N, C-alpha and C. Protein backbone atom coordinates (compact mmCIF):
# COMPACT_ATOMS: atom_id res chain seq x y z
N MET A 1 0.86 -1.16 0.00
CA MET A 1 0.00 0.00 0.00
C MET A 1 0.91 1.23 0.00
N LEU A 2 0.66 2.15 -0.89
CA LEU A 2 1.42 3.39 -1.00
C LEU A 2 0.58 4.51 -0.41
N LEU A 3 1.14 5.23 0.57
CA LEU A 3 0.41 6.31 1.22
C LEU A 3 1.15 7.63 1.11
N ALA A 4 0.39 8.67 0.86
CA ALA A 4 0.87 10.05 0.90
C ALA A 4 -0.36 10.89 1.22
N GLY A 5 -0.17 11.99 1.88
CA GLY A 5 -1.34 12.78 2.20
C GLY A 5 -1.00 14.10 2.86
N ASP A 6 -2.04 14.85 3.12
CA ASP A 6 -1.85 16.20 3.63
C ASP A 6 -1.72 16.25 5.14
N SER A 7 -1.94 15.15 5.82
CA SER A 7 -1.91 15.19 7.27
C SER A 7 -1.32 13.91 7.84
N PRO A 8 0.02 13.77 7.78
CA PRO A 8 0.64 12.55 8.28
C PRO A 8 0.33 12.30 9.75
N GLY A 9 0.04 13.35 10.51
CA GLY A 9 -0.24 13.20 11.92
C GLY A 9 -1.58 12.56 12.20
N CYS A 10 -2.45 12.48 11.21
CA CYS A 10 -3.79 11.97 11.45
C CYS A 10 -4.17 10.94 10.39
N ARG A 11 -4.44 11.39 9.20
CA ARG A 11 -4.98 10.50 8.16
C ARG A 11 -4.02 9.40 7.74
N VAL A 12 -2.79 9.79 7.44
CA VAL A 12 -1.83 8.80 6.95
C VAL A 12 -1.48 7.81 8.06
N LEU A 13 -1.26 8.31 9.27
CA LEU A 13 -0.93 7.42 10.38
C LEU A 13 -2.06 6.44 10.66
N SER A 14 -3.28 6.92 10.73
CA SER A 14 -4.40 6.02 11.04
C SER A 14 -4.60 4.99 9.93
N THR A 15 -4.41 5.37 8.68
CA THR A 15 -4.53 4.42 7.58
C THR A 15 -3.40 3.39 7.63
N ALA A 16 -2.18 3.85 7.91
CA ALA A 16 -1.05 2.93 8.00
C ALA A 16 -1.24 1.92 9.12
N LEU A 17 -1.70 2.38 10.27
CA LEU A 17 -1.90 1.47 11.40
C LEU A 17 -3.03 0.48 11.12
N ALA A 18 -4.07 0.93 10.43
CA ALA A 18 -5.16 0.02 10.07
C ALA A 18 -4.66 -1.05 9.10
N ALA A 19 -3.75 -0.67 8.21
CA ALA A 19 -3.19 -1.63 7.26
C ALA A 19 -2.38 -2.71 7.99
N LEU A 20 -1.76 -2.35 9.10
CA LEU A 20 -1.01 -3.33 9.87
C LEU A 20 -1.92 -4.44 10.40
N ALA A 21 -3.17 -4.09 10.68
CA ALA A 21 -4.12 -5.07 11.20
C ALA A 21 -4.37 -6.22 10.22
N VAL A 22 -4.17 -5.95 8.94
CA VAL A 22 -4.33 -7.00 7.92
C VAL A 22 -2.98 -7.40 7.32
N ALA A 23 -1.91 -7.05 8.03
CA ALA A 23 -0.54 -7.41 7.66
C ALA A 23 -0.13 -6.92 6.28
N ALA A 24 -0.64 -5.77 5.88
CA ALA A 24 -0.23 -5.18 4.61
C ALA A 24 1.08 -4.41 4.79
N GLU A 25 1.94 -4.47 3.79
CA GLU A 25 3.15 -3.65 3.82
C GLU A 25 2.77 -2.25 3.35
N VAL A 26 3.25 -1.25 4.06
CA VAL A 26 2.89 0.14 3.78
C VAL A 26 4.14 0.93 3.44
N LEU A 27 4.07 1.71 2.38
CA LEU A 27 5.14 2.60 1.98
C LEU A 27 4.60 4.02 2.08
N VAL A 28 5.18 4.82 2.96
CA VAL A 28 4.73 6.20 3.18
C VAL A 28 5.72 7.13 2.49
N VAL A 29 5.22 7.97 1.60
CA VAL A 29 6.07 8.94 0.90
C VAL A 29 6.06 10.23 1.72
N ALA A 30 7.12 10.44 2.47
CA ALA A 30 7.18 11.50 3.47
C ALA A 30 7.07 12.90 2.89
N ASP A 31 7.68 13.13 1.73
CA ASP A 31 7.68 14.49 1.21
C ASP A 31 6.57 14.74 0.18
N ALA A 32 5.63 13.82 0.06
CA ALA A 32 4.48 14.01 -0.82
C ALA A 32 3.29 14.43 0.03
N ARG A 33 3.41 15.58 0.64
CA ARG A 33 2.36 16.07 1.53
C ARG A 33 2.29 17.57 1.47
N THR A 34 1.19 18.08 1.93
CA THR A 34 1.00 19.51 2.06
C THR A 34 0.61 19.77 3.50
N GLY A 35 0.32 20.98 3.81
CA GLY A 35 -0.13 21.29 5.16
C GLY A 35 0.82 22.21 5.88
N VAL A 36 0.56 22.36 7.14
CA VAL A 36 1.35 23.29 7.95
C VAL A 36 2.74 22.73 8.19
N ASP A 37 3.68 23.64 8.37
CA ASP A 37 5.05 23.25 8.68
C ASP A 37 5.26 23.32 10.19
N ASP A 38 4.98 22.26 10.86
CA ASP A 38 5.30 22.15 12.27
C ASP A 38 6.00 20.83 12.46
N ASP A 39 6.34 20.49 13.68
CA ASP A 39 7.08 19.25 13.83
C ASP A 39 6.20 18.03 14.05
N LEU A 40 4.88 18.18 14.05
CA LEU A 40 3.99 17.01 14.17
C LEU A 40 4.21 16.01 13.04
N PRO A 41 4.24 16.44 11.77
CA PRO A 41 4.49 15.45 10.71
C PRO A 41 5.84 14.74 10.88
N VAL A 42 6.85 15.45 11.32
CA VAL A 42 8.17 14.85 11.51
C VAL A 42 8.11 13.80 12.61
N ARG A 43 7.48 14.14 13.73
CA ARG A 43 7.35 13.18 14.85
C ARG A 43 6.52 11.97 14.42
N THR A 44 5.47 12.21 13.66
CA THR A 44 4.62 11.10 13.23
C THR A 44 5.37 10.18 12.28
N LEU A 45 6.13 10.74 11.36
CA LEU A 45 6.93 9.91 10.44
C LEU A 45 7.96 9.09 11.21
N ARG A 46 8.56 9.68 12.23
CA ARG A 46 9.51 8.93 13.08
C ARG A 46 8.79 7.79 13.79
N THR A 47 7.58 8.02 14.25
CA THR A 47 6.80 6.98 14.90
C THR A 47 6.52 5.85 13.92
N MET A 48 6.15 6.18 12.69
CA MET A 48 5.87 5.15 11.70
C MET A 48 7.11 4.32 11.40
N GLU A 49 8.29 4.93 11.48
CA GLU A 49 9.54 4.20 11.25
C GLU A 49 9.73 3.09 12.28
N LEU A 50 9.14 3.22 13.46
CA LEU A 50 9.25 2.20 14.50
C LEU A 50 8.57 0.89 14.09
N TYR A 51 7.69 0.96 13.11
CA TYR A 51 6.95 -0.22 12.66
C TYR A 51 7.62 -0.92 11.48
N ARG A 52 8.88 -0.56 11.17
CA ARG A 52 9.59 -1.24 10.10
C ARG A 52 9.67 -2.72 10.41
N PRO A 53 9.57 -3.59 9.49
CA PRO A 53 9.56 -3.43 8.06
C PRO A 53 8.15 -3.31 7.47
N LEU A 54 7.10 -3.42 8.28
CA LEU A 54 5.76 -3.34 7.69
C LEU A 54 5.42 -1.94 7.21
N ILE A 55 5.93 -0.91 7.90
CA ILE A 55 5.75 0.46 7.43
C ILE A 55 7.14 1.00 7.10
N ARG A 56 7.30 1.43 5.85
CA ARG A 56 8.56 2.06 5.45
C ARG A 56 8.28 3.49 5.03
N VAL A 57 9.12 4.39 5.48
CA VAL A 57 9.01 5.79 5.10
C VAL A 57 10.10 6.07 4.07
N THR A 58 9.71 6.69 2.97
CA THR A 58 10.65 7.02 1.90
C THR A 58 10.36 8.42 1.39
N SER A 59 11.11 8.86 0.42
CA SER A 59 10.91 10.16 -0.22
C SER A 59 10.46 9.92 -1.66
N LEU A 60 10.08 11.00 -2.32
CA LEU A 60 9.74 10.87 -3.75
C LEU A 60 10.94 10.36 -4.54
N ALA A 61 12.13 10.88 -4.23
CA ALA A 61 13.34 10.43 -4.93
C ALA A 61 13.60 8.95 -4.66
N GLY A 62 13.40 8.51 -3.42
CA GLY A 62 13.59 7.10 -3.08
C GLY A 62 12.59 6.22 -3.81
N LEU A 63 11.37 6.68 -3.91
CA LEU A 63 10.33 5.94 -4.62
C LEU A 63 10.68 5.80 -6.09
N ARG A 64 11.16 6.89 -6.69
CA ARG A 64 11.57 6.85 -8.11
C ARG A 64 12.74 5.90 -8.30
N ALA A 65 13.70 5.92 -7.37
CA ALA A 65 14.87 5.05 -7.48
C ALA A 65 14.46 3.58 -7.38
N GLU A 66 13.49 3.27 -6.51
CA GLU A 66 13.01 1.89 -6.38
C GLU A 66 12.31 1.44 -7.65
N ALA A 67 11.62 2.37 -8.31
CA ALA A 67 10.87 2.03 -9.52
C ALA A 67 11.80 1.76 -10.70
N GLY A 68 12.99 2.34 -10.67
CA GLY A 68 13.96 2.14 -11.76
C GLY A 68 13.69 3.07 -12.92
N PRO A 69 14.54 2.93 -13.97
CA PRO A 69 14.41 3.83 -15.13
C PRO A 69 13.17 3.60 -15.94
């Protein structure tokens, strides 16, 4: 499951955690978001990293690199 969204502190986190209930692997694109610039999204992304390997946090560049040429 690929996730990106405007509110990593709420929508993306709750969706990612729900996906864990069905053992889905989740890839969160950290820099594909909008919204306010505070440290809540940063803290939430760090929290999601604790669930590795089921939840992986990456960037747009990392996603492109995984996809290949």
